[in-house]
């Protein structure tokens, strides 16, 4: 599931690199998106949106346990985010 265009989407800060990763995910380029996201997380391990996007990528490629771990970490960093909570619920189902 690519970054949804729903209310609450602006809850997390968005860098240009994270935006690029979401675009890559939307076009099905998971390997490239994951590379961008891992680079972001090397510089900023507490980037909730990068964790969320990496978790969404894991979910979309069938790696449920990894998705739950990554999105769960994003949820701890951004506890009020409906977008993160919704994706976590989806990963857990």
N, C-alpha and C. Protein backbone atom coordinates (compact mmCIF):
# COMPACT_ATOMS: atom_id res chain seq x y z
N UNK A 1 0.85 -1.16 0.00
CA UNK A 1 0.00 0.00 0.00
C UNK A 1 0.90 1.23 0.00
N UNK A 2 0.78 2.02 -1.01
CA UNK A 2 1.58 3.24 -1.09
C UNK A 2 1.03 4.28 -0.13
N UNK A 3 1.78 5.30 0.05
CA UNK A 3 1.38 6.36 0.96
C UNK A 3 0.00 6.87 0.56
N UNK A 4 -0.98 6.71 1.44
CA UNK A 4 -2.34 7.10 1.10
C UNK A 4 -2.51 8.61 1.12
N UNK A 5 -3.44 9.08 0.32
CA UNK A 5 -3.77 10.50 0.31
C UNK A 5 -5.02 10.68 1.17
N UNK A 6 -4.82 10.67 2.47
CA UNK A 6 -5.94 10.75 3.41
C UNK A 6 -5.64 11.80 4.46
N UNK A 7 -6.69 12.25 5.17
CA UNK A 7 -6.43 13.17 6.27
C UNK A 7 -5.45 12.54 7.26
N UNK A 8 -4.60 13.36 7.81
CA UNK A 8 -3.59 12.87 8.74
C UNK A 8 -2.28 12.54 8.06
N UNK A 9 -2.26 12.60 6.74
CA UNK A 9 -1.07 12.26 6.00
C UNK A 9 0.09 13.19 6.34
N UNK A 10 -0.21 14.41 6.69
CA UNK A 10 0.84 15.39 6.99
C UNK A 10 1.31 15.30 8.43
N UNK A 11 0.87 14.27 9.16
CA UNK A 11 1.24 14.16 10.56
C UNK A 11 2.73 13.95 10.77
N UNK A 12 3.40 13.36 9.81
CA UNK A 12 4.82 13.06 9.94
C UNK A 12 5.62 13.97 9.02
N UNK A 13 6.77 14.45 9.47
CA UNK A 13 7.59 15.28 8.60
C UNK A 13 8.02 14.48 7.37
N UNK A 14 8.08 15.15 6.24
CA UNK A 14 8.40 14.46 5.00
C UNK A 14 9.59 15.12 4.32
N UNK A 15 10.63 14.37 4.17
CA UNK A 15 11.79 14.88 3.45
C UNK A 15 11.64 14.55 1.96
N UNK A 16 12.43 15.19 1.16
CA UNK A 16 12.40 14.90 -0.27
C UNK A 16 12.75 13.43 -0.54
N UNK A 17 13.71 12.90 0.20
CA UNK A 17 14.11 11.50 0.00
C UNK A 17 13.00 10.54 0.37
N UNK A 18 12.27 10.84 1.44
CA UNK A 18 11.14 9.98 1.82
C UNK A 18 10.06 10.06 0.75
N UNK A 19 9.83 11.25 0.23
CA UNK A 19 8.86 11.41 -0.85
C UNK A 19 9.25 10.58 -2.07
N UNK A 20 10.54 10.58 -2.40
CA UNK A 20 11.04 9.77 -3.51
C UNK A 20 10.78 8.29 -3.24
N UNK A 21 11.00 7.86 -2.01
CA UNK A 21 10.78 6.45 -1.67
C UNK A 21 9.31 6.08 -1.82
N UNK A 22 8.41 6.96 -1.37
CA UNK A 22 6.98 6.67 -1.53
C UNK A 22 6.62 6.56 -3.01
N UNK A 23 7.19 7.43 -3.84
CA UNK A 23 6.93 7.37 -5.28
C UNK A 23 7.44 6.05 -5.86
N UNK A 24 8.61 5.62 -5.43
CA UNK A 24 9.15 4.35 -5.89
C UNK A 24 8.24 3.19 -5.46
N UNK A 25 7.75 3.24 -4.23
CA UNK A 25 6.84 2.20 -3.76
C UNK A 25 5.56 2.18 -4.59
N UNK A 26 5.04 3.36 -4.87
CA UNK A 26 3.80 3.45 -5.64
C UNK A 26 3.95 2.84 -7.03
N UNK A 27 5.16 2.88 -7.56
CA UNK A 27 5.39 2.31 -8.90
C UNK A 27 5.93 0.88 -8.82
N UNK A 28 5.93 0.30 -7.62
CA UNK A 28 6.33 -1.09 -7.47
C UNK A 28 7.82 -1.34 -7.43
N UNK A 29 8.61 -0.29 -7.27
CA UNK A 29 10.07 -0.42 -7.26
C UNK A 29 10.57 -0.57 -5.82
N UNK A 30 10.26 -1.72 -5.23
CA UNK A 30 10.56 -1.94 -3.82
C UNK A 30 12.04 -1.96 -3.49
N UNK A 31 12.84 -2.57 -4.34
CA UNK A 31 14.29 -2.64 -4.07
C UNK A 31 14.88 -1.24 -4.03
N UNK A 32 14.54 -0.41 -5.00
CA UNK A 32 15.06 0.96 -5.03
C UNK A 32 14.55 1.76 -3.84
N UNK A 33 13.27 1.62 -3.52
CA UNK A 33 12.69 2.34 -2.38
C UNK A 33 13.38 1.91 -1.09
N UNK A 34 13.57 0.62 -0.92
CA UNK A 34 14.21 0.12 0.30
C UNK A 34 15.62 0.68 0.44
N UNK A 35 16.33 0.79 -0.67
CA UNK A 35 17.69 1.33 -0.64
C UNK A 35 17.66 2.79 -0.15
N UNK A 36 16.74 3.58 -0.69
CA UNK A 36 16.62 4.98 -0.28
C UNK A 36 16.26 5.05 1.21
N UNK A 37 15.32 4.23 1.63
CA UNK A 37 14.85 4.28 3.02
C UNK A 37 15.92 3.82 4.00
N UNK A 38 16.67 2.80 3.64
CA UNK A 38 17.77 2.36 4.53
C UNK A 38 18.82 3.46 4.67
N UNK A 39 19.07 4.19 3.58
CA UNK A 39 20.01 5.32 3.65
C UNK A 39 19.52 6.40 4.59
N UNK A 40 18.22 6.70 4.53
CA UNK A 40 17.64 7.69 5.43
C UNK A 40 17.79 7.23 6.87
N UNK A 41 17.49 5.95 7.12
CA UNK A 41 17.52 5.44 8.49
C UNK A 41 18.94 5.31 9.03
N UNK A 42 19.93 5.19 8.16
CA UNK A 42 21.32 5.21 8.64
C UNK A 42 21.65 6.58 9.22
N UNK A 43 21.15 7.63 8.58
CA UNK A 43 21.40 8.99 9.05
C UNK A 43 20.47 9.39 10.19
N UNK A 44 19.25 8.87 10.16
CA UNK A 44 18.22 9.27 11.14
C UNK A 44 17.41 8.04 11.54
N UNK A 45 17.91 7.23 12.48
CA UNK A 45 17.24 5.98 12.86
C UNK A 45 15.85 6.18 13.45
N UNK A 46 15.53 7.40 13.84
CA UNK A 46 14.22 7.67 14.43
C UNK A 46 13.28 8.39 13.46
N UNK A 47 13.51 8.22 12.18
CA UNK A 47 12.63 8.82 11.17
C UNK A 47 11.41 7.93 11.02
N UNK A 48 10.31 8.35 11.66
CA UNK A 48 9.10 7.52 11.70
C UNK A 48 8.54 7.27 10.31
N UNK A 49 8.57 8.26 9.44
CA UNK A 49 8.00 8.03 8.12
C UNK A 49 8.83 7.07 7.30
N UNK A 50 10.14 7.12 7.42
CA UNK A 50 10.99 6.17 6.71
C UNK A 50 10.74 4.75 7.24
N UNK A 51 10.59 4.60 8.54
CA UNK A 51 10.27 3.30 9.12
C UNK A 51 8.92 2.81 8.60
N UNK A 52 7.94 3.71 8.56
CA UNK A 52 6.63 3.35 8.05
C UNK A 52 6.72 2.88 6.60
N UNK A 53 7.39 3.67 5.77
CA UNK A 53 7.49 3.32 4.34
C UNK A 53 8.22 1.99 4.15
N UNK A 54 9.27 1.76 4.91
CA UNK A 54 9.99 0.49 4.81
C UNK A 54 9.09 -0.66 5.26
N UNK A 55 8.29 -0.41 6.29
CA UNK A 55 7.33 -1.41 6.75
C UNK A 55 6.25 -1.69 5.71
N UNK A 56 5.77 -0.65 5.06
CA UNK A 56 4.77 -0.83 4.00
C UNK A 56 5.39 -1.65 2.86
N UNK A 57 6.63 -1.36 2.53
CA UNK A 57 7.31 -2.13 1.49
C UNK A 57 7.39 -3.60 1.89
N UNK A 58 7.75 -3.86 3.13
CA UNK A 58 7.83 -5.24 3.62
C UNK A 58 6.46 -5.92 3.53
N UNK A 59 5.43 -5.18 3.90
CA UNK A 59 4.08 -5.73 3.86
C UNK A 59 3.69 -6.07 2.41
N UNK A 60 4.00 -5.16 1.50
CA UNK A 60 3.64 -5.37 0.10
C UNK A 60 4.40 -6.52 -0.55
N UNK A 61 5.56 -6.84 -0.02
CA UNK A 61 6.35 -7.93 -0.58
C UNK A 61 6.21 -9.22 0.21
N UNK A 62 5.23 -9.26 1.12
CA UNK A 62 4.91 -10.49 1.82
C UNK A 62 5.70 -10.80 3.06
N UNK A 63 6.42 -9.83 3.59
CA UNK A 63 7.21 -10.07 4.80
C UNK A 63 6.48 -9.46 6.00
N UNK A 64 5.42 -10.13 6.43
CA UNK A 64 4.58 -9.64 7.51
C UNK A 64 5.30 -9.36 8.82
N UNK A 65 6.14 -10.29 9.31
CA UNK A 65 6.82 -10.04 10.58
C UNK A 65 7.72 -8.79 10.53
N UNK A 66 8.42 -8.62 9.43
CA UNK A 66 9.26 -7.42 9.29
C UNK A 66 8.40 -6.17 9.23
N UNK A 67 7.29 -6.25 8.53
CA UNK A 67 6.38 -5.11 8.43
C UNK A 67 5.87 -4.71 9.82
N UNK A 68 5.46 -5.68 10.61
CA UNK A 68 4.96 -5.40 11.96
C UNK A 68 6.06 -4.75 12.80
N UNK A 69 7.28 -5.28 12.71
CA UNK A 69 8.39 -4.71 13.48
C UNK A 69 8.65 -3.25 13.08
N UNK A 70 8.78 -3.00 11.79
CA UNK A 70 9.11 -1.64 11.32
C UNK A 70 7.98 -0.65 11.59
N UNK A 71 6.76 -1.05 11.29
CA UNK A 71 5.64 -0.13 11.50
C UNK A 71 5.39 0.05 12.99
N UNK A 72 5.64 -0.99 13.77
CA UNK A 72 5.53 -0.87 15.23
C UNK A 72 6.53 0.14 15.78
N UNK A 73 7.74 0.13 15.23
CA UNK A 73 8.75 1.13 15.64
C UNK A 73 8.29 2.53 15.26
N UNK A 74 7.70 2.67 14.07
CA UNK A 74 7.18 3.98 13.65
C UNK A 74 6.06 4.42 14.59
N UNK A 75 5.23 3.48 15.01
CA UNK A 75 4.11 3.81 15.91
C UNK A 75 4.61 4.31 17.26
N UNK A 76 5.70 3.74 17.73
CA UNK A 76 6.25 4.21 19.01
C UNK A 76 6.83 5.62 18.89
N UNK A 77 7.33 5.96 17.70
CA UNK A 77 7.89 7.29 17.48
C UNK A 77 6.82 8.33 17.14
N UNK A 78 5.70 7.89 16.61
CA UNK A 78 4.62 8.80 16.21
C UNK A 78 3.29 8.23 16.70
N UNK A 79 3.10 8.21 18.04
CA UNK A 79 1.94 7.52 18.60
C UNK A 79 0.59 8.11 18.20
N UNK A 80 0.53 9.35 17.77
CA UNK A 80 -0.75 9.95 17.41
C UNK A 80 -1.09 9.85 15.95
N UNK A 81 -0.29 9.16 15.16
CA UNK A 81 -0.49 9.12 13.72
C UNK A 81 -1.52 8.07 13.33
N UNK A 82 -2.62 8.53 12.77
CA UNK A 82 -3.65 7.61 12.28
C UNK A 82 -3.12 6.79 11.11
N UNK A 83 -2.28 7.40 10.29
CA UNK A 83 -1.73 6.70 9.13
C UNK A 83 -0.86 5.52 9.59
N UNK A 84 -0.04 5.74 10.59
CA UNK A 84 0.82 4.66 11.10
C UNK A 84 -0.05 3.59 11.74
N UNK A 85 -1.02 4.01 12.55
CA UNK A 85 -1.88 3.04 13.23
C UNK A 85 -2.66 2.19 12.22
N UNK A 86 -3.16 2.80 11.17
CA UNK A 86 -3.89 2.07 10.16
C UNK A 86 -3.02 1.03 9.45
N UNK A 87 -1.79 1.44 9.13
CA UNK A 87 -0.88 0.50 8.48
C UNK A 87 -0.45 -0.61 9.43
N UNK A 88 -0.29 -0.30 10.70
CA UNK A 88 0.05 -1.33 11.67
C UNK A 88 -1.08 -2.32 11.79
N UNK A 89 -2.31 -1.83 11.84
CA UNK A 89 -3.46 -2.74 11.90
C UNK A 89 -3.50 -3.65 10.69
N UNK A 90 -3.22 -3.10 9.53
CA UNK A 90 -3.22 -3.90 8.31
C UNK A 90 -2.10 -4.94 8.36
N UNK A 91 -0.93 -4.56 8.85
CA UNK A 91 0.20 -5.49 8.92
C UNK A 91 -0.09 -6.63 9.91
N UNK A 92 -0.83 -6.32 10.95
CA UNK A 92 -1.15 -7.33 11.96
C UNK A 92 -2.26 -8.27 11.51
N UNK A 93 -3.02 -7.88 10.50
CA UNK A 93 -4.16 -8.74 10.09
C UNK A 93 -3.76 -9.83 9.14
